[in-house]
Amino acid sequence: MSFIIIYITHASKENAQQIADHLIEKKMVACANIFPIQSAYWWKGKVENDNEWVSIVKTIPSMWDNLQKEIEHIHPYEVPCIMKIEAEANKAYEEWIFSTVNSER
């Protein structure tokens, strides 16, 4: 039984928390971790360096398509980073994720 981790970048801690709370309340994800990062990237022809925030949310594989659409709908970035990573963990943790996420969407 594997699950997926979704890595999402945000402009602020508040935005990261709002999106995480929204996804948790809708039972699309079981939980989220939020932390600051320093980002360097190409944007509109030049290199940008910014302080950003990352949220890492855990969910079930069948939620990927709906979750991606939901994040794109509510995220303020023109091109948000929404990255899926397949993961495995201890059995009890994986069972908790599957029992927490509403797969009836």
N, C-alpha and C. Protein backbone atom coordinates (compact mmCIF):
# COMPACT_ATOMS: atom_id res chain seq x y z
N MET A 1 0.86 -1.17 0.00
CA MET A 1 0.00 0.00 0.00
C MET A 1 0.90 1.23 0.00
N SER A 2 1.00 1.93 -1.11
CA SER A 2 1.80 3.15 -1.15
C SER A 2 0.87 4.36 -1.21
N PHE A 3 1.43 5.51 -0.94
CA PHE A 3 0.68 6.76 -0.96
C PHE A 3 1.49 7.76 -1.76
N ILE A 4 0.98 8.98 -1.90
CA ILE A 4 1.74 10.00 -2.61
C ILE A 4 1.94 11.23 -1.72
N ILE A 5 3.06 11.87 -1.97
CA ILE A 5 3.40 13.13 -1.32
C ILE A 5 3.32 14.20 -2.41
N ILE A 6 2.68 15.30 -2.11
CA ILE A 6 2.59 16.41 -3.05
C ILE A 6 3.40 17.57 -2.46
N TYR A 7 4.36 18.03 -3.24
CA TYR A 7 5.25 19.13 -2.87
C TYR A 7 4.73 20.38 -3.57
N ILE A 8 4.40 21.43 -2.79
CA ILE A 8 3.80 22.65 -3.33
C ILE A 8 4.57 23.86 -2.79
N THR A 9 4.94 24.80 -3.69
CA THR A 9 5.60 26.02 -3.23
C THR A 9 4.58 27.15 -3.11
N HIS A 10 4.88 28.09 -2.19
CA HIS A 10 3.97 29.20 -1.88
C HIS A 10 4.78 30.47 -1.63
N ALA A 11 4.14 31.61 -1.84
CA ALA A 11 4.79 32.90 -1.61
C ALA A 11 4.87 33.26 -0.13
N SER A 12 3.97 32.71 0.68
CA SER A 12 3.94 33.08 2.10
C SER A 12 3.51 31.89 2.96
N LYS A 13 3.84 32.00 4.23
CA LYS A 13 3.42 30.98 5.19
C LYS A 13 1.90 30.95 5.28
N GLU A 14 1.29 32.12 5.25
CA GLU A 14 -0.16 32.21 5.35
C GLU A 14 -0.85 31.50 4.19
N ASN A 15 -0.34 31.71 2.98
CA ASN A 15 -0.92 31.05 1.81
C ASN A 15 -0.74 29.53 1.90
N ALA A 16 0.43 29.09 2.31
CA ALA A 16 0.68 27.66 2.47
C ALA A 16 -0.29 27.06 3.49
N GLN A 17 -0.50 27.76 4.60
CA GLN A 17 -1.41 27.27 5.64
C GLN A 17 -2.85 27.26 5.15
N GLN A 18 -3.26 28.30 4.44
CA GLN A 18 -4.63 28.35 3.92
C GLN A 18 -4.91 27.19 2.97
N ILE A 19 -3.99 26.93 2.07
CA ILE A 19 -4.19 25.83 1.11
C ILE A 19 -4.17 24.50 1.83
N ALA A 20 -3.22 24.31 2.75
CA ALA A 20 -3.16 23.06 3.51
C ALA A 20 -4.46 22.84 4.29
N ASP A 21 -4.93 23.86 4.98
CA ASP A 21 -6.17 23.74 5.76
C ASP A 21 -7.36 23.40 4.85
N HIS A 22 -7.42 24.06 3.70
CA HIS A 22 -8.50 23.81 2.74
C HIS A 22 -8.50 22.34 2.30
N LEU A 23 -7.34 21.82 1.95
CA LEU A 23 -7.23 20.44 1.48
C LEU A 23 -7.53 19.43 2.59
N ILE A 24 -7.10 19.74 3.80
CA ILE A 24 -7.38 18.86 4.95
C ILE A 24 -8.88 18.87 5.27
N GLU A 25 -9.48 20.06 5.30
CA GLU A 25 -10.90 20.16 5.60
C GLU A 25 -11.75 19.42 4.58
N LYS A 26 -11.33 19.43 3.31
CA LYS A 26 -12.07 18.71 2.27
C LYS A 26 -11.72 17.22 2.24
N LYS A 27 -10.86 16.79 3.16
CA LYS A 27 -10.41 15.40 3.28
C LYS A 27 -9.75 14.90 2.00
N MET A 28 -9.09 15.83 1.30
CA MET A 28 -8.34 15.45 0.10
C MET A 28 -6.93 15.00 0.46
N VAL A 29 -6.45 15.43 1.62
CA VAL A 29 -5.14 15.02 2.13
C VAL A 29 -5.29 14.68 3.61
N ALA A 30 -4.38 13.85 4.09
CA ALA A 30 -4.43 13.46 5.50
C ALA A 30 -3.73 14.48 6.40
N CYS A 31 -2.65 15.08 5.89
CA CYS A 31 -1.89 16.02 6.71
C CYS A 31 -0.97 16.85 5.82
N ALA A 32 -0.36 17.87 6.44
CA ALA A 32 0.56 18.74 5.71
C ALA A 32 1.70 19.16 6.63
N ASN A 33 2.86 19.33 6.02
CA ASN A 33 4.02 19.93 6.70
C ASN A 33 4.36 21.20 5.94
N ILE A 34 4.69 22.27 6.68
CA ILE A 34 4.96 23.57 6.06
C ILE A 34 6.28 24.09 6.61
N PHE A 35 7.16 24.55 5.68
CA PHE A 35 8.45 25.07 6.12
C PHE A 35 9.00 26.07 5.10
N PRO A 36 9.90 26.98 5.57
CA PRO A 36 10.47 28.00 4.67
C PRO A 36 11.60 27.41 3.81
N ILE A 37 11.75 28.00 2.60
CA ILE A 37 12.84 27.62 1.70
C ILE A 37 13.38 28.87 1.01
N GLN A 38 14.55 28.75 0.41
CA GLN A 38 15.11 29.77 -0.46
C GLN A 38 15.08 29.19 -1.87
N SER A 39 14.45 29.89 -2.81
CA SER A 39 14.29 29.39 -4.18
C SER A 39 15.05 30.25 -5.18
N ALA A 40 15.61 29.59 -6.20
CA ALA A 40 16.23 30.25 -7.34
C ALA A 40 15.64 29.61 -8.58
N TYR A 41 15.17 30.43 -9.53
CA TYR A 41 14.49 29.87 -10.70
C TYR A 41 14.44 30.90 -11.83
N TRP A 42 14.26 30.41 -13.05
CA TRP A 42 14.05 31.28 -14.20
C TRP A 42 12.59 31.70 -14.23
N TRP A 43 12.34 33.00 -14.42
CA TRP A 43 10.97 33.48 -14.58
C TRP A 43 10.99 34.71 -15.48
N LYS A 44 10.28 34.61 -16.58
CA LYS A 44 10.12 35.70 -17.54
C LYS A 44 11.46 36.28 -17.98
N GLY A 45 12.38 35.36 -18.32
CA GLY A 45 13.65 35.75 -18.92
C GLY A 45 14.77 36.12 -17.97
N LYS A 46 14.57 35.96 -16.67
CA LYS A 46 15.66 36.26 -15.74
C LYS A 46 15.62 35.34 -14.53
N VAL A 47 16.76 35.26 -13.86
CA VAL A 47 16.86 34.43 -12.66
C VAL A 47 16.30 35.19 -11.47
N GLU A 48 15.41 34.55 -10.76
CA GLU A 48 14.81 35.11 -9.54
C GLU A 48 15.33 34.35 -8.33
N ASN A 49 15.47 35.05 -7.22
CA ASN A 49 15.82 34.45 -5.93
C ASN A 49 14.80 34.96 -4.92
N ASP A 50 14.06 34.03 -4.32
CA ASP A 50 12.99 34.42 -3.41
C ASP A 50 12.95 33.55 -2.17
N ASN A 51 12.43 34.12 -1.11
CA ASN A 51 12.04 33.34 0.05
C ASN A 51 10.65 32.81 -0.25
N GLU A 52 10.47 31.51 -0.12
CA GLU A 52 9.17 30.90 -0.33
C GLU A 52 8.88 29.95 0.82
N TRP A 53 7.72 29.35 0.76
CA TRP A 53 7.31 28.33 1.72
C TRP A 53 6.92 27.09 0.94
N VAL A 54 7.15 25.94 1.51
CA VAL A 54 6.76 24.67 0.90
C VAL A 54 5.76 23.98 1.80
N SER A 55 4.75 23.39 1.17
CA SER A 55 3.91 22.46 1.91
C SER A 55 4.10 21.09 1.28
N ILE A 56 4.17 20.11 2.13
CA ILE A 56 4.23 18.72 1.70
C ILE A 56 2.98 18.07 2.28
N VAL A 57 2.10 17.63 1.37
CA VAL A 57 0.85 17.01 1.80
C VAL A 57 0.85 15.54 1.42
N LYS A 58 0.20 14.71 2.22
CA LYS A 58 0.16 13.27 1.98
C LYS A 58 -1.26 12.84 1.67
N THR A 59 -1.39 12.01 0.62
CA THR A 59 -2.71 11.57 0.20
C THR A 59 -2.61 10.22 -0.51
N ILE A 60 -3.74 9.76 -1.00
CA ILE A 60 -3.79 8.47 -1.69
C ILE A 60 -3.65 8.70 -3.20
N PRO A 61 -3.09 7.72 -3.91
CA PRO A 61 -2.84 7.90 -5.35
C PRO A 61 -4.08 8.27 -6.16
N SER A 62 -5.22 7.73 -5.85
CA SER A 62 -6.43 8.02 -6.63
C SER A 62 -6.91 9.47 -6.48
N MET A 63 -6.36 10.21 -5.55
CA MET A 63 -6.74 11.60 -5.31
C MET A 63 -5.94 12.57 -6.19
N TRP A 64 -4.88 12.11 -6.86
CA TRP A 64 -3.95 12.98 -7.58
C TRP A 64 -4.64 13.93 -8.55
N ASP A 65 -5.45 13.44 -9.46
CA ASP A 65 -6.06 14.31 -10.47
C ASP A 65 -6.93 15.40 -9.85
N ASN A 66 -7.81 15.02 -8.93
CA ASN A 66 -8.67 16.01 -8.27
C ASN A 66 -7.87 16.99 -7.43
N LEU A 67 -6.86 16.50 -6.75
CA LEU A 67 -6.03 17.35 -5.90
C LEU A 67 -5.28 18.38 -6.73
N GLN A 68 -4.71 17.93 -7.83
CA GLN A 68 -3.98 18.84 -8.72
C GLN A 68 -4.91 19.96 -9.22
N LYS A 69 -6.10 19.62 -9.65
CA LYS A 69 -7.06 20.61 -10.13
C LYS A 69 -7.47 21.57 -9.01
N GLU A 70 -7.70 21.04 -7.82
CA GLU A 70 -8.11 21.88 -6.69
C GLU A 70 -7.01 22.89 -6.34
N ILE A 71 -5.77 22.43 -6.29
CA ILE A 71 -4.66 23.33 -5.96
C ILE A 71 -4.52 24.40 -7.04
N GLU A 72 -4.56 24.00 -8.31
CA GLU A 72 -4.46 24.98 -9.40
C GLU A 72 -5.57 26.02 -9.30
N HIS A 73 -6.74 25.61 -8.88
CA HIS A 73 -7.90 26.51 -8.77
C HIS A 73 -7.72 27.55 -7.66
N ILE A 74 -7.12 27.16 -6.54
CA ILE A 74 -7.04 28.07 -5.39
C ILE A 74 -5.67 28.72 -5.20
N HIS A 75 -4.64 28.25 -5.91
CA HIS A 75 -3.28 28.77 -5.73
C HIS A 75 -3.11 30.09 -6.45
N PRO A 76 -2.49 31.10 -5.81
CA PRO A 76 -2.35 32.41 -6.45
C PRO A 76 -1.25 32.48 -7.52
N TYR A 77 -0.31 31.55 -7.55
CA TYR A 77 0.76 31.60 -8.56
C TYR A 77 0.21 31.39 -9.97
N GLU A 78 0.80 32.08 -10.93
CA GLU A 78 0.46 31.88 -12.33
C GLU A 78 0.81 30.45 -12.77
N VAL A 79 1.95 29.96 -12.30
CA VAL A 79 2.40 28.60 -12.59
C VAL A 79 2.84 27.95 -11.28
N PRO A 80 1.90 27.37 -10.52
CA PRO A 80 2.30 26.77 -9.24
C PRO A 80 3.09 25.48 -9.43
N CYS A 81 3.98 25.21 -8.51
CA CYS A 81 4.70 23.94 -8.47
C CYS A 81 3.83 22.96 -7.68
N ILE A 82 3.37 21.91 -8.36
CA ILE A 82 2.56 20.87 -7.73
C ILE A 82 3.20 19.55 -8.15
N MET A 83 4.07 19.02 -7.32
CA MET A 83 4.89 17.88 -7.68
C MET A 83 4.47 16.63 -6.92
N LYS A 84 4.23 15.55 -7.65
CA LYS A 84 3.82 14.28 -7.03
C LYS A 84 5.04 13.39 -6.84
N ILE A 85 5.15 12.81 -5.64
CA ILE A 85 6.22 11.88 -5.30
C ILE A 85 5.58 10.63 -4.71
N GLU A 86 5.88 9.48 -5.28
CA GLU A 86 5.35 8.23 -4.73
C GLU A 86 6.16 7.86 -3.50
N ALA A 87 5.47 7.36 -2.48
CA ALA A 87 6.14 7.08 -1.20
C ALA A 87 5.59 5.82 -0.55
N GLU A 88 6.38 5.29 0.34
CA GLU A 88 5.97 4.19 1.20
C GLU A 88 6.39 4.53 2.62
N ALA A 89 5.66 4.01 3.58
CA ALA A 89 5.97 4.25 4.99
C ALA A 89 5.58 3.01 5.79
N ASN A 90 5.70 3.13 7.09
CA ASN A 90 5.27 2.04 7.95
C ASN A 90 3.78 1.78 7.76
N LYS A 91 3.37 0.55 7.92
CA LYS A 91 2.01 0.11 7.61
C LYS A 91 0.95 0.94 8.35
N ALA A 92 1.16 1.18 9.62
CA ALA A 92 0.17 1.92 10.41
C ALA A 92 -0.02 3.34 9.87
N TYR A 93 1.06 3.98 9.46
CA TYR A 93 0.97 5.34 8.92
C TYR A 93 0.22 5.34 7.59
N GLU A 94 0.56 4.40 6.72
CA GLU A 94 -0.13 4.30 5.44
C GLU A 94 -1.62 4.02 5.63
N GLU A 95 -1.97 3.15 6.56
CA GLU A 95 -3.38 2.86 6.83
C GLU A 95 -4.10 4.11 7.34
N TRP A 96 -3.41 4.90 8.15
CA TRP A 96 -3.99 6.15 8.66
C TRP A 96 -4.29 7.10 7.49
N ILE A 97 -3.35 7.26 6.56
CA ILE A 97 -3.57 8.13 5.41
C ILE A 97 -4.79 7.66 4.62
N PHE A 98 -4.85 6.36 4.30
CA PHE A 98 -5.96 5.84 3.52
C PHE A 98 -7.30 5.96 4.26
N SER A 99 -7.28 5.83 5.59
CA SER A 99 -8.53 5.93 6.34
C SER A 99 -8.97 7.39 6.53
N THR A 100 -8.05 8.33 6.39
CA THR A 100 -8.33 9.74 6.62
C THR A 100 -8.84 10.45 5.37
N VAL A 101 -8.27 10.10 4.22
CA VAL A 101 -8.63 10.77 2.96
C VAL A 101 -9.94 10.22 2.43
N ASN A 102 -10.78 11.13 1.99
CA ASN A 102 -12.08 10.74 1.43
C ASN A 102 -11.91 10.41 -0.05
N SER A 103 -11.89 9.14 -0.38
CA SER A 103 -11.69 8.72 -1.76
C SER A 103 -13.01 8.65 -2.53
N GLU A 104 -14.09 9.10 -1.91
CA GLU A 104 -15.40 9.07 -2.56
C GLU A 104 -15.64 10.29 -3.44
N ARG A 105 -14.66 11.13 -3.64
CA ARG A 105 -14.82 12.38 -4.43
C ARG A 105 -15.00 12.08 -5.89
